[in-house]
Amino acid sequence: MRRAAAAVEDTREEGEGRVRVVLRSAGADSSRPIGLKRGADGLWRLDRYSTQFVDIRAPSAGSAARP
């Protein structure tokens, strides 16, 4: 099984209980920001992620199809 590669490029607090994280992934030519929000239970949840779905590269010819 092949896994997606991603790295955190930058982080920034955006107020009480909110963080912006910029991800660099192997499937895109540019970095992508996401937003995380801390819930009342203390867990971080994905809050903003729409930029993850634009301008994604097509799989290379050597990539195996997933079932």
N, C-alpha and C. Protein backbone atom coordinates (compact mmCIF):
# COMPACT_ATOMS: atom_id res chain seq x y z
N MET A 1 0.85 -1.19 0.00
CA MET A 1 0.00 0.00 0.00
C MET A 1 0.89 1.24 0.00
N ARG A 2 0.55 2.17 -0.83
CA ARG A 2 1.29 3.42 -0.92
C ARG A 2 0.63 4.49 -0.04
N ARG A 3 1.42 5.26 0.65
CA ARG A 3 0.88 6.31 1.52
C ARG A 3 1.17 7.69 0.94
N ALA A 4 0.31 8.60 1.23
CA ALA A 4 0.52 9.98 0.78
C ALA A 4 1.58 10.63 1.66
N ALA A 5 2.41 11.43 1.05
CA ALA A 5 3.45 12.13 1.79
C ALA A 5 3.04 13.59 1.98
N ALA A 6 3.18 14.08 3.20
CA ALA A 6 2.86 15.48 3.50
C ALA A 6 3.79 15.96 4.61
N ALA A 7 4.07 17.25 4.61
CA ALA A 7 4.92 17.84 5.63
C ALA A 7 4.33 19.18 6.06
N VAL A 8 4.48 19.51 7.32
CA VAL A 8 4.03 20.81 7.83
C VAL A 8 5.07 21.85 7.45
N GLU A 9 4.64 22.86 6.73
CA GLU A 9 5.53 23.91 6.27
C GLU A 9 5.51 25.13 7.20
N ASP A 10 4.35 25.40 7.81
CA ASP A 10 4.22 26.58 8.67
C ASP A 10 2.99 26.41 9.57
N THR A 11 3.02 27.02 10.74
CA THR A 11 1.85 27.06 11.62
C THR A 11 1.70 28.47 12.17
N ARG A 12 0.45 28.83 12.47
CA ARG A 12 0.19 30.16 13.04
C ARG A 12 -1.08 30.13 13.86
N GLU A 13 -1.03 30.67 15.04
CA GLU A 13 -2.24 30.78 15.86
C GLU A 13 -3.13 31.87 15.28
N GLU A 14 -4.43 31.60 15.25
CA GLU A 14 -5.38 32.56 14.70
C GLU A 14 -6.44 32.94 15.72
N GLY A 15 -6.07 32.97 16.96
CA GLY A 15 -7.02 33.32 18.00
C GLY A 15 -7.19 32.18 18.97
N GLU A 16 -8.09 32.35 19.89
CA GLU A 16 -8.35 31.37 20.94
C GLU A 16 -8.81 30.04 20.36
N GLY A 17 -8.00 29.01 20.51
CA GLY A 17 -8.39 27.67 20.09
C GLY A 17 -8.41 27.42 18.60
N ARG A 18 -7.71 28.26 17.82
CA ARG A 18 -7.66 28.07 16.37
C ARG A 18 -6.21 28.15 15.89
N VAL A 19 -5.87 27.27 14.94
CA VAL A 19 -4.53 27.25 14.38
C VAL A 19 -4.63 27.07 12.87
N ARG A 20 -3.78 27.76 12.14
CA ARG A 20 -3.66 27.59 10.68
C ARG A 20 -2.37 26.81 10.44
N VAL A 21 -2.47 25.72 9.68
CA VAL A 21 -1.32 24.88 9.35
C VAL A 21 -1.19 24.85 7.84
N VAL A 22 0.02 25.07 7.35
CA VAL A 22 0.27 25.01 5.91
C VAL A 22 0.97 23.69 5.63
N LEU A 23 0.35 22.89 4.75
CA LEU A 23 0.87 21.57 4.41
C LEU A 23 1.48 21.57 3.02
N ARG A 24 2.56 20.85 2.88
CA ARG A 24 3.19 20.61 1.57
C ARG A 24 3.00 19.13 1.29
N SER A 25 2.33 18.79 0.19
CA SER A 25 2.07 17.38 -0.10
C SER A 25 2.70 16.98 -1.43
N ALA A 26 2.86 15.68 -1.61
CA ALA A 26 3.43 15.15 -2.84
C ALA A 26 2.44 15.21 -3.99
N GLY A 27 1.16 15.43 -3.72
CA GLY A 27 0.14 15.42 -4.75
C GLY A 27 -0.22 16.78 -5.31
N ALA A 28 0.51 17.82 -4.92
CA ALA A 28 0.19 19.17 -5.40
C ALA A 28 1.47 19.97 -5.60
N ASP A 29 1.41 20.96 -6.47
CA ASP A 29 2.58 21.79 -6.74
C ASP A 29 2.76 22.93 -5.75
N SER A 30 1.71 23.26 -5.00
CA SER A 30 1.81 24.37 -4.05
C SER A 30 1.36 23.92 -2.66
N SER A 31 1.79 24.67 -1.67
CA SER A 31 1.41 24.38 -0.28
C SER A 31 -0.06 24.71 -0.08
N ARG A 32 -0.69 24.03 0.89
CA ARG A 32 -2.12 24.20 1.15
C ARG A 32 -2.38 24.48 2.62
N PRO A 33 -3.12 25.56 2.92
CA PRO A 33 -3.47 25.83 4.31
C PRO A 33 -4.70 25.04 4.75
N ILE A 34 -4.71 24.64 6.01
CA ILE A 34 -5.89 24.04 6.63
C ILE A 34 -6.10 24.75 7.97
N GLY A 35 -7.29 24.68 8.50
CA GLY A 35 -7.58 25.28 9.79
C GLY A 35 -7.97 24.21 10.79
N LEU A 36 -7.44 24.32 12.00
CA LEU A 36 -7.78 23.41 13.08
C LEU A 36 -8.44 24.20 14.20
N LYS A 37 -9.40 23.59 14.85
CA LYS A 37 -10.12 24.23 15.95
C LYS A 37 -10.14 23.26 17.13
N ARG A 38 -9.80 23.76 18.32
CA ARG A 38 -9.81 22.92 19.52
C ARG A 38 -11.22 22.86 20.10
N GLY A 39 -11.70 21.63 20.27
CA GLY A 39 -13.03 21.44 20.83
C GLY A 39 -13.04 21.56 22.35
N ALA A 40 -14.21 21.56 22.93
CA ALA A 40 -14.37 21.65 24.38
C ALA A 40 -13.70 20.47 25.09
N ASP A 41 -13.56 19.35 24.38
CA ASP A 41 -12.92 18.16 24.96
C ASP A 41 -11.40 18.20 24.85
N GLY A 42 -10.84 19.28 24.24
CA GLY A 42 -9.40 19.43 24.12
C GLY A 42 -8.80 18.84 22.85
N LEU A 43 -9.61 18.15 22.04
CA LEU A 43 -9.12 17.56 20.81
C LEU A 43 -9.17 18.57 19.67
N TRP A 44 -8.18 18.52 18.77
CA TRP A 44 -8.15 19.39 17.60
C TRP A 44 -8.92 18.74 16.48
N ARG A 45 -9.74 19.53 15.80
CA ARG A 45 -10.54 19.03 14.69
C ARG A 45 -10.32 19.90 13.45
N LEU A 46 -10.38 19.26 12.29
CA LEU A 46 -10.25 19.96 11.03
C LEU A 46 -11.44 20.89 10.86
N ASP A 47 -11.16 22.16 10.58
CA ASP A 47 -12.21 23.17 10.51
C ASP A 47 -12.33 23.76 9.10
N ARG A 48 -11.18 24.00 8.45
CA ARG A 48 -11.16 24.56 7.10
C ARG A 48 -10.19 23.73 6.26
N TYR A 49 -10.67 23.23 5.12
CA TYR A 49 -9.83 22.35 4.32
C TYR A 49 -10.16 22.40 2.82
N SER A 50 -10.92 23.35 2.37
CA SER A 50 -11.39 23.38 0.98
C SER A 50 -10.24 23.46 -0.04
N THR A 51 -9.12 24.05 0.33
CA THR A 51 -8.01 24.18 -0.62
C THR A 51 -7.32 22.85 -0.89
N GLN A 52 -7.64 21.82 -0.15
CA GLN A 52 -7.01 20.50 -0.35
C GLN A 52 -7.49 19.83 -1.62
N PHE A 53 -8.59 20.30 -2.20
CA PHE A 53 -9.21 19.60 -3.32
C PHE A 53 -9.05 20.29 -4.67
N VAL A 54 -8.22 21.30 -4.77
CA VAL A 54 -8.03 22.00 -6.05
C VAL A 54 -6.64 21.73 -6.61
N ASP A 55 -6.55 21.64 -7.93
CA ASP A 55 -5.27 21.47 -8.64
C ASP A 55 -4.44 20.29 -8.12
N ILE A 56 -5.07 19.14 -8.00
CA ILE A 56 -4.37 17.94 -7.57
C ILE A 56 -3.82 17.25 -8.81
N ARG A 57 -2.57 16.81 -8.73
CA ARG A 57 -1.94 16.13 -9.86
C ARG A 57 -2.58 14.77 -10.11
N ALA A 58 -2.64 14.38 -11.37
CA ALA A 58 -3.11 13.04 -11.73
C ALA A 58 -2.05 12.02 -11.31
N PRO A 59 -2.46 10.80 -10.98
CA PRO A 59 -1.49 9.77 -10.60
C PRO A 59 -0.52 9.50 -11.76
N SER A 60 0.72 9.17 -11.43
CA SER A 60 1.69 8.84 -12.47
C SER A 60 1.37 7.48 -13.07
N ALA A 61 1.91 7.21 -14.22
CA ALA A 61 1.63 5.95 -14.92
C ALA A 61 2.04 4.74 -14.09
N GLY A 62 3.03 4.85 -13.23
CA GLY A 62 3.50 3.73 -12.43
C GLY A 62 2.70 3.51 -11.15
N SER A 63 1.75 4.36 -10.86
CA SER A 63 0.95 4.21 -9.64
C SER A 63 -0.05 3.06 -9.78
N ALA A 64 -0.16 2.28 -8.75
CA ALA A 64 -1.14 1.18 -8.75
C ALA A 64 -2.52 1.72 -8.42
N ALA A 65 -3.53 1.20 -9.10
CA ALA A 65 -4.90 1.61 -8.82
C ALA A 65 -5.33 1.04 -7.47
N ARG A 66 -6.10 1.80 -6.73
CA ARG A 66 -6.60 1.34 -5.44
C ARG A 66 -8.00 0.77 -5.60
N PRO A 67 -8.28 -0.30 -4.89
CA PRO A 67 -9.65 -0.89 -4.98
C PRO A 67 -10.70 -0.01 -4.36
